[in-house]
Amino acid sequence: MLERVLIVVLFCGLCFTNRVRADEPSEEAPSPFLDGLDWQVMASGFYLFNTHLVAGHYNELDYPYTGYMGFGVNFVGGDVSYSREKFAVTIGFRWGTAASQLSALAPLKQGFVRWIPIPKLALDFGWFDTIYGAEFHDEWQNPTFTHGALYYLRQPFNHMGLRITATLSERVALKFLVVNESVSVAKIGGTPVDFDTTPALGTQLDISLADVLNLQIGYLSGASGSNGNRAWGQFFDLILSAELERFTLTFNGNATIDPPVNHGQYALGAAVSGDVRVHDHWRVGARVEYIGGTVGLPEGKDPDLLTITATLRYMPVQYLVISLEPRFERSQQALYFTRSSSTDPSTGDPIADSRTYFGLVLGVSAHLGNR
């Protein structure tokens, strides 16, 4: 009888002990709060050797952020996002010489709230990066250190409003935009509009054609500012990208069309870029792009522009990228300043006198986080 009692007591004790241990938090288990936290801090600087000028901006196009001789800090900042099953919050900041060029709300780069009513549907409200174009704000995500002319002169950078993302299958996603934007995009000379009363409408179809091949087709339409904002401009974006283990190749094409009431102006552009990982610590990238159409860059200038960029990158450690980049540009009309450029007597500004440009950039980027 005593043996049976001891067996029952021992069994109950083991059950109680196992229950307590199961309820106790494990030292190795991550905190539930930290599970949804993603963060990144970054800094990016450069030195530009300009064959045309000792100091000053090199062209009339107001791009890129490495448009002057000497040292510069293009970006310093960070990103934080916190996500749970039904919602997420994202905030990003950038300071530096390029911040005001790439965000109208600089130093705020992004700031939006996400609602996830069902697993395959997400709604973003606020200020977020554009869904169009193949290049990213952060240069280490691109094949080249400097951004392209297509990125600067033909594509929007950010949007204010609503973004809807629907995941239709493992290979197909569909996005919609309702944003405060003119789609003449102000990039091809459209008249400014009242953003509060004329939201733009956009969409993008994202298809994974294969494990290494992806296609994105985008469209954006908004008031041009003409005919009581009843005439709407059209923006089209196409991205085709292939990504292998050591090689990436991307084509990005744009077309922007003003309505007939604005004389049917249009702007075209295309860029081909890619890079090759030649070693665990070395990469070689390149970009060739052409911009044309009937809209001048800037006003009164022929828009035809060719740029060729090559980039040699060294990554001594995981989060540090050192880039050496020659960049060549050729336009149909004089867009670039030289040491011999004359000065406008009425404004004191230099007058462009060259159709070609060559510069050499040494860039250093560092980023750290769990993104």
Protein backbone atom coordinates (compact mmCIF):
# COMPACT_ATOMS: atom_id res chain seq x y z
CA MET A 1 0.00 0.00 0.00
CA LEU A 2 2.81 2.39 0.92
CA GLU A 3 4.59 1.64 -2.33
CA ARG A 4 1.45 2.55 -4.30
CA VAL A 5 1.13 5.85 -2.44
CA LEU A 6 4.79 6.68 -3.12
CA ILE A 7 4.37 5.90 -6.82
CA VAL A 8 1.28 8.16 -7.08
CA VAL A 9 3.07 11.02 -5.21
CA LEU A 10 6.15 10.67 -7.40
CA PHE A 11 4.06 10.66 -10.58
CA CYS A 12 2.13 13.77 -9.48
CA GLY A 13 5.42 15.50 -8.59
CA LEU A 14 6.90 14.80 -11.99
CA CYS A 15 3.78 16.12 -13.72
CA PHE A 16 3.84 19.30 -11.62
CA THR A 17 7.55 19.84 -12.28
CA ASN A 18 7.14 19.41 -16.02
CA ARG A 19 4.20 21.84 -16.02
CA VAL A 20 6.20 24.49 -14.16
CA ARG A 21 9.15 24.09 -16.52
CA ALA A 22 6.87 24.38 -19.53
CA ASP A 23 5.38 27.58 -18.14
CA GLU A 24 8.78 29.11 -17.35
CA PRO A 25 10.24 31.29 -20.14
CA SER A 26 13.24 29.79 -21.88
CA GLU A 27 16.47 31.81 -21.75
CA GLU A 28 17.10 30.96 -25.40
CA ALA A 29 13.61 31.94 -26.61
CA PRO A 30 13.55 35.40 -28.19
CA SER A 31 11.37 38.13 -26.75
CA PRO A 32 7.94 38.24 -28.47
CA PHE A 33 8.28 42.02 -28.81
CA LEU A 34 11.67 41.86 -30.50
CA ASP A 35 10.38 39.26 -32.96
CA GLY A 36 8.62 42.00 -34.92
CA LEU A 37 11.37 44.66 -34.75
CA ASP A 38 13.52 45.36 -37.84
CA TRP A 39 16.11 48.13 -37.83
CA GLN A 40 18.98 49.59 -39.79
CA VAL A 41 21.47 52.45 -39.36
CA MET A 42 23.57 53.67 -42.27
CA ALA A 43 26.01 56.29 -43.54
CA SER A 44 27.29 56.98 -47.03
CA GLY A 45 29.96 59.41 -48.23
CA PHE A 46 32.03 60.08 -51.32
CA TYR A 47 34.82 61.98 -53.04
CA LEU A 48 34.19 63.24 -56.58
CA PHE A 49 36.95 64.06 -59.04
CA ASN A 50 35.41 66.20 -61.77
CA THR A 51 37.43 66.63 -64.97
CA HIS A 52 35.55 69.83 -65.85
CA LEU A 53 35.49 71.86 -62.65
CA VAL A 54 37.56 72.42 -59.56
CA ALA A 55 34.38 73.28 -57.63
CA GLY A 56 30.68 73.77 -58.31
CA HIS A 57 27.84 71.82 -59.88
CA TYR A 58 28.70 70.16 -63.14
CA ASN A 59 25.41 70.33 -65.08
CA GLU A 60 22.02 71.99 -65.51
CA LEU A 61 20.07 68.85 -64.62
CA ASP A 62 20.38 69.06 -60.81
CA TYR A 63 21.52 65.45 -60.39
CA PRO A 64 23.06 63.38 -58.99
CA TYR A 65 23.96 64.20 -55.40
CA THR A 66 27.61 63.76 -56.35
CA GLY A 67 27.34 66.76 -58.68
CA TYR A 68 30.20 68.77 -57.20
CA MET A 69 33.94 68.44 -56.70
CA GLY A 70 35.38 67.12 -53.44
CA PHE A 71 34.07 65.31 -50.38
CA GLY A 72 30.44 64.93 -49.39
CA VAL A 73 28.06 62.98 -47.17
CA ASN A 74 25.07 62.00 -49.27
CA PHE A 75 23.14 60.08 -46.60
CA VAL A 76 23.19 59.44 -42.87
CA GLY A 77 20.14 57.91 -41.21
CA GLY A 78 18.23 54.82 -40.28
CA ASP A 79 15.03 52.80 -40.61
CA VAL A 80 12.86 51.12 -38.00
CA SER A 81 9.80 48.94 -38.54
CA TYR A 82 7.70 46.99 -36.07
CA SER A 83 5.19 44.41 -37.28
CA ARG A 84 2.65 42.13 -35.69
CA GLU A 85 -0.01 39.86 -37.16
CA LYS A 86 -2.49 42.63 -38.02
CA PHE A 87 -0.45 45.84 -38.21
CA ALA A 88 3.00 47.37 -38.77
CA VAL A 89 4.70 50.75 -38.39
CA THR A 90 7.64 51.95 -40.51
CA ILE A 91 9.76 55.08 -39.99
CA GLY A 92 12.90 56.12 -41.88
CA PHE A 93 15.10 59.22 -41.79
CA ARG A 94 17.87 60.49 -44.05
CA TRP A 95 20.12 63.51 -43.61
CA GLY A 96 22.86 64.67 -45.98
CA THR A 97 23.44 66.39 -49.31
CA ALA A 98 20.99 64.10 -51.15
CA ALA A 99 18.18 63.99 -48.59
CA SER A 100 16.24 66.98 -49.93
CA GLN A 101 16.60 65.74 -53.52
CA LEU A 102 15.06 62.34 -52.79
CA SER A 103 12.31 63.27 -50.32
CA ALA A 104 10.04 66.31 -50.27
CA LEU A 105 9.60 65.75 -46.52
CA ALA A 106 13.33 65.38 -45.75
CA PRO A 107 14.74 64.32 -43.39
CA LEU A 108 11.70 61.99 -43.31
CA LYS A 109 12.26 59.27 -45.91
CA GLN A 110 9.28 57.08 -44.98
CA GLY A 111 6.57 57.13 -42.35
CA PHE A 112 3.50 54.93 -42.68
CA VAL A 113 1.17 52.56 -40.86
CA ARG A 114 0.21 49.17 -42.28
CA TRP A 115 -3.05 47.36 -41.61
CA ILE A 116 -3.24 43.64 -42.48
CA PRO A 117 -6.94 42.66 -42.36
CA ILE A 118 -6.22 39.22 -43.88
CA PRO A 119 -2.86 37.48 -44.47
CA LYS A 120 -2.69 38.26 -48.21
CA LEU A 121 -3.85 41.88 -48.07
CA ALA A 122 -1.96 44.91 -46.70
CA LEU A 123 -2.99 48.59 -46.65
CA ASP A 124 -0.35 51.29 -46.09
CA PHE A 125 -1.29 54.83 -45.03
CA GLY A 126 1.22 57.69 -45.04
CA TRP A 127 4.49 58.64 -46.78
CA PHE A 128 6.22 55.73 -48.53
CA ASP A 129 8.80 54.95 -51.23
CA THR A 130 7.55 54.67 -54.78
CA ILE A 131 6.71 51.30 -56.26
CA TYR A 132 8.09 52.37 -59.67
CA GLY A 133 11.62 52.16 -61.04
CA ALA A 134 14.39 49.62 -60.60
CA GLU A 135 16.75 51.62 -58.38
CA PHE A 136 16.64 52.07 -54.60
CA HIS A 137 17.41 55.02 -52.34
CA ASP A 138 20.22 53.10 -50.64
CA GLU A 139 23.02 52.81 -53.17
CA TRP A 140 24.46 49.47 -51.95
CA GLN A 141 21.25 47.80 -53.15
CA ASN A 142 21.98 49.01 -56.72
CA PRO A 143 24.67 47.81 -59.16
CA THR A 144 26.19 51.33 -59.15
CA PHE A 145 27.01 53.87 -56.44
CA THR A 146 25.45 56.94 -58.11
CA HIS A 147 21.82 56.87 -59.24
CA GLY A 148 20.87 57.07 -62.88
CA ALA A 149 19.39 59.91 -64.91
CA LEU A 150 16.25 57.81 -65.47
CA TYR A 151 15.79 57.54 -61.71
CA TYR A 152 16.29 61.26 -61.11
CA LEU A 153 14.60 62.79 -64.12
CA ARG A 154 11.76 60.44 -65.04
CA GLN A 155 10.49 58.65 -61.92
CA PRO A 156 8.74 59.68 -58.70
CA PHE A 157 10.62 59.07 -55.46
CA ASN A 158 7.85 58.94 -52.82
CA HIS A 159 4.09 59.11 -52.47
CA MET A 160 1.66 60.45 -49.89
CA GLY A 161 -1.57 58.51 -49.54
CA LEU A 162 -2.80 54.91 -49.66
CA ARG A 163 -1.01 51.82 -51.00
CA ILE A 164 -2.78 48.46 -51.25
CA THR A 165 -0.84 45.22 -51.78
CA ALA A 166 -2.71 42.03 -52.64
CA THR A 167 -0.79 38.75 -52.85
CA LEU A 168 -2.72 36.72 -55.39
CA SER A 169 -0.40 33.70 -55.36
CA GLU A 170 3.18 32.75 -54.62
CA ARG A 171 4.22 34.28 -57.94
CA VAL A 172 1.75 37.14 -58.48
CA ALA A 173 1.14 40.34 -56.49
CA LEU A 174 -0.94 43.39 -57.34
CA LYS A 175 -0.52 46.91 -55.92
CA PHE A 176 -2.79 49.95 -56.06
CA LEU A 177 -2.07 53.60 -55.22
CA VAL A 178 -4.33 56.52 -54.37
CA VAL A 179 -1.89 59.35 -53.73
CA ASN A 180 -1.47 63.13 -53.76
CA GLU A 181 0.42 63.40 -57.01
CA SER A 182 0.39 64.96 -60.44
CA VAL A 183 1.44 62.50 -63.03
CA SER A 184 2.91 64.88 -65.39
CA VAL A 185 4.96 64.09 -62.29
CA ALA A 186 6.42 67.51 -62.62
CA LYS A 187 9.23 65.54 -64.21
CA ILE A 188 8.21 66.52 -67.73
CA GLY A 189 7.04 70.03 -67.08
CA GLY A 190 3.40 69.62 -66.10
CA THR A 191 1.67 72.52 -64.35
CA PRO A 192 1.54 72.16 -60.55
CA VAL A 193 -1.86 71.04 -59.28
CA ASP A 194 -3.79 71.16 -56.02
CA PHE A 195 -2.77 67.81 -54.57
CA ASP A 196 -5.63 67.90 -52.04
CA THR A 197 -8.32 67.80 -54.74
CA THR A 198 -6.69 65.77 -57.53
CA PRO A 199 -5.29 62.47 -56.27
CA ALA A 200 -3.43 60.25 -58.72
CA LEU A 201 -4.31 56.59 -59.28
CA GLY A 202 -1.69 53.93 -59.84
CA THR A 203 -1.17 50.20 -60.05
CA GLN A 204 1.59 47.63 -60.52
CA LEU A 205 1.49 43.96 -61.47
CA ASP A 206 4.41 41.93 -60.09
CA ILE A 207 4.95 38.49 -61.63
CA SER A 208 7.67 35.95 -60.91
CA LEU A 209 8.02 34.30 -64.30
CA ALA A 210 10.57 31.83 -62.94
CA ASP A 211 12.73 31.36 -59.88
CA VAL A 212 15.29 33.80 -61.32
CA LEU A 213 13.11 36.03 -63.54
CA ASN A 214 10.73 38.79 -62.44
CA LEU A 215 8.43 41.17 -64.37
CA GLN A 216 6.82 44.38 -63.04
CA ILE A 217 4.36 46.45 -65.08
CA GLY A 218 3.35 49.78 -63.55
CA TYR A 219 0.95 52.60 -64.42
CA LEU A 220 0.17 55.96 -62.81
CA SER A 221 -2.35 58.57 -63.93
CA GLY A 222 -3.16 61.98 -62.50
CA ALA A 223 -4.28 65.50 -63.29
CA SER A 224 -1.89 67.57 -65.42
CA GLY A 225 -3.11 70.92 -64.10
CA SER A 226 -4.78 71.83 -67.40
CA ASN A 227 -8.44 72.17 -68.41
CA GLY A 228 -9.62 72.46 -64.82
CA ASN A 229 -7.60 69.36 -63.91
CA ARG A 230 -9.81 67.31 -66.22
CA ALA A 231 -6.85 66.45 -68.48
CA TRP A 232 -4.80 63.63 -66.98
CA GLY A 233 -1.25 62.59 -67.75
CA GLN A 234 -0.06 58.99 -68.03
CA PHE A 235 3.07 57.32 -66.63
CA PHE A 236 4.14 53.79 -67.64
CA ASP A 237 6.89 51.74 -66.01
CA LEU A 238 8.34 48.36 -67.02
CA ILE A 239 10.96 46.35 -65.12
CA LEU A 240 12.36 42.99 -66.19
CA SER A 241 15.03 41.51 -63.95
CA ALA A 242 17.02 38.29 -63.76
CA GLU A 243 18.95 37.27 -60.66
CA LEU A 244 21.32 34.34 -60.50
CA GLU A 245 23.70 33.36 -57.72
CA ARG A 246 26.52 35.64 -58.90
CA PHE A 247 24.88 37.72 -61.64
CA THR A 248 22.00 40.21 -61.91
CA LEU A 249 20.62 41.98 -64.98
CA THR A 250 17.77 44.53 -65.06
CA PHE A 251 15.95 46.46 -67.77
CA ASN A 252 13.85 49.47 -66.76
CA GLY A 253 11.79 51.48 -69.26
CA ASN A 254 9.55 54.54 -68.71
CA ALA A 255 7.12 56.57 -70.81
CA THR A 256 5.34 59.69 -69.56
CA ILE A 257 2.65 61.29 -71.74
CA ASP A 258 1.00 64.65 -71.18
CA PRO A 259 -2.60 65.00 -72.46
CA PRO A 260 -3.22 66.64 -75.88
CA VAL A 261 -4.28 69.86 -74.17
CA ASN A 262 -0.62 70.16 -73.10
CA HIS A 263 0.46 69.70 -76.74
CA GLY A 264 0.91 65.96 -76.22
CA GLN A 265 4.38 66.21 -74.73
CA TYR A 266 6.05 62.93 -73.91
CA ALA A 267 9.22 61.68 -72.27
CA LEU A 268 10.93 58.34 -72.79
CA GLY A 269 13.75 56.60 -71.00
CA ALA A 270 15.42 53.21 -70.67
CA ALA A 271 18.24 51.79 -68.58
CA VAL A 272 20.05 48.47 -68.54
CA SER A 273 22.06 47.66 -65.41
CA GLY A 274 23.63 44.67 -63.75
CA ASP A 275 26.49 43.36 -61.69
CA VAL A 276 28.67 40.29 -61.32
CA ARG A 277 30.01 38.88 -58.06
CA VAL A 278 33.53 37.97 -59.16
CA HIS A 279 34.63 37.05 -55.61
CA ASP A 280 33.10 36.91 -52.15
CA HIS A 281 34.46 40.42 -51.52
CA TRP A 282 34.41 41.91 -55.05
CA ARG A 283 31.65 42.95 -57.45
CA VAL A 284 31.64 44.68 -60.83
CA GLY A 285 28.55 46.67 -61.88
CA ALA A 286 27.49 48.80 -64.83
CA ARG A 287 24.58 50.87 -66.15
CA VAL A 288 23.81 52.26 -69.62
CA GLU A 289 20.79 54.54 -70.09
CA TYR A 290 19.17 56.78 -72.65
CA ILE A 291 16.59 59.54 -72.17
CA GLY A 292 14.62 61.19 -74.99
CA GLY A 293 11.24 62.61 -75.96
CA THR A 294 9.83 66.03 -76.75
CA VAL A 295 10.44 67.60 -73.36
CA GLY A 296 13.69 69.44 -72.71
CA LEU A 297 16.12 68.80 -69.86
CA PRO A 298 15.88 71.52 -68.65
CA GLU A 299 13.31 73.71 -70.40
CA GLY A 300 14.50 74.69 -73.86
CA LYS A 301 17.16 71.98 -74.00
CA ASP A 302 17.01 68.87 -76.18
CA PRO A 303 16.25 65.89 -73.94
CA ASP A 304 18.48 63.32 -75.65
CA LEU A 305 20.94 62.09 -73.04
CA LEU A 306 23.24 59.06 -72.81
CA THR A 307 24.99 57.96 -69.62
CA ILE A 308 27.48 55.13 -69.07
CA THR A 309 28.54 54.14 -65.56
CA ALA A 310 30.88 51.38 -64.37
CA THR A 311 31.43 50.40 -60.74
CA LEU A 312 34.10 48.33 -58.99
CA ARG A 313 33.05 47.37 -55.46
CA TYR A 314 35.02 45.92 -52.57
CA MET A 315 33.32 44.57 -49.44
CA PRO A 316 36.00 43.81 -46.84
CA VAL A 317 33.31 42.94 -44.28
CA GLN A 318 29.60 42.23 -44.60
CA TYR A 319 28.21 45.71 -43.97
CA LEU A 320 30.91 47.90 -45.55
CA VAL A 321 30.95 48.72 -49.29
CA ILE A 322 33.74 50.67 -51.02
CA SER A 323 33.00 51.77 -54.61
CA LEU A 324 35.18 53.21 -57.38
CA GLU A 325 33.05 54.54 -60.22
CA PRO A 326 33.79 56.35 -63.49
CA ARG A 327 30.75 58.04 -65.08
CA PHE A 328 30.43 59.38 -68.64
CA GLU A 329 27.55 61.47 -70.02
CA ARG A 330 26.77 62.80 -73.48
CA SER A 331 23.89 65.15 -74.40
CA GLN A 332 22.75 66.58 -77.72
CA GLN A 333 23.06 70.12 -76.42
CA ALA A 334 25.39 71.83 -73.98
CA LEU A 335 24.32 70.88 -70.44
CA TYR A 336 27.67 70.77 -68.63
CA PHE A 337 29.92 73.44 -67.16
CA THR A 338 33.67 73.62 -67.68
CA ARG A 339 36.52 75.74 -66.33
CA SER A 340 36.10 78.02 -69.32
CA SER A 341 32.32 78.50 -68.88
CA SER A 342 31.27 82.15 -69.10
CA THR A 343 28.95 83.80 -66.58
CA ASP A 344 25.48 85.23 -67.10
CA PRO A 345 25.88 88.95 -66.27
CA SER A 346 22.30 89.27 -65.01
CA THR A 347 22.35 86.32 -62.59
CA GLY A 348 26.01 85.56 -62.04
CA ASP A 349 25.38 81.89 -62.85
CA PRO A 350 27.74 79.93 -65.14
CA ILE A 351 26.59 79.11 -68.66
CA ALA A 352 26.86 75.50 -69.81
CA ASP A 353 29.25 75.09 -72.74
CA SER A 354 29.93 71.34 -73.07
CA ARG A 355 27.98 68.33 -74.34
CA THR A 356 30.07 65.76 -72.50
CA TYR A 357 31.04 65.03 -68.91
CA PHE A 358 33.39 62.63 -67.16
CA GLY A 359 33.81 62.16 -63.43
CA LEU A 360 35.33 59.65 -61.04
CA VAL A 361 33.64 58.85 -57.71
CA LEU A 362 35.07 57.08 -54.67
CA GLY A 363 32.13 56.08 -52.45
CA VAL A 364 31.98 54.43 -49.04
CA SER A 365 28.77 53.03 -47.53
CA ALA A 366 28.21 51.33 -44.19
CA HIS A 367 24.96 49.83 -42.93
CA LEU A 368 24.21 47.75 -39.88
CA GLY A 369 21.00 46.08 -38.71
CA ASN A 370 18.79 43.04 -39.05
CA ARG A 371 16.92 44.15 -42.19
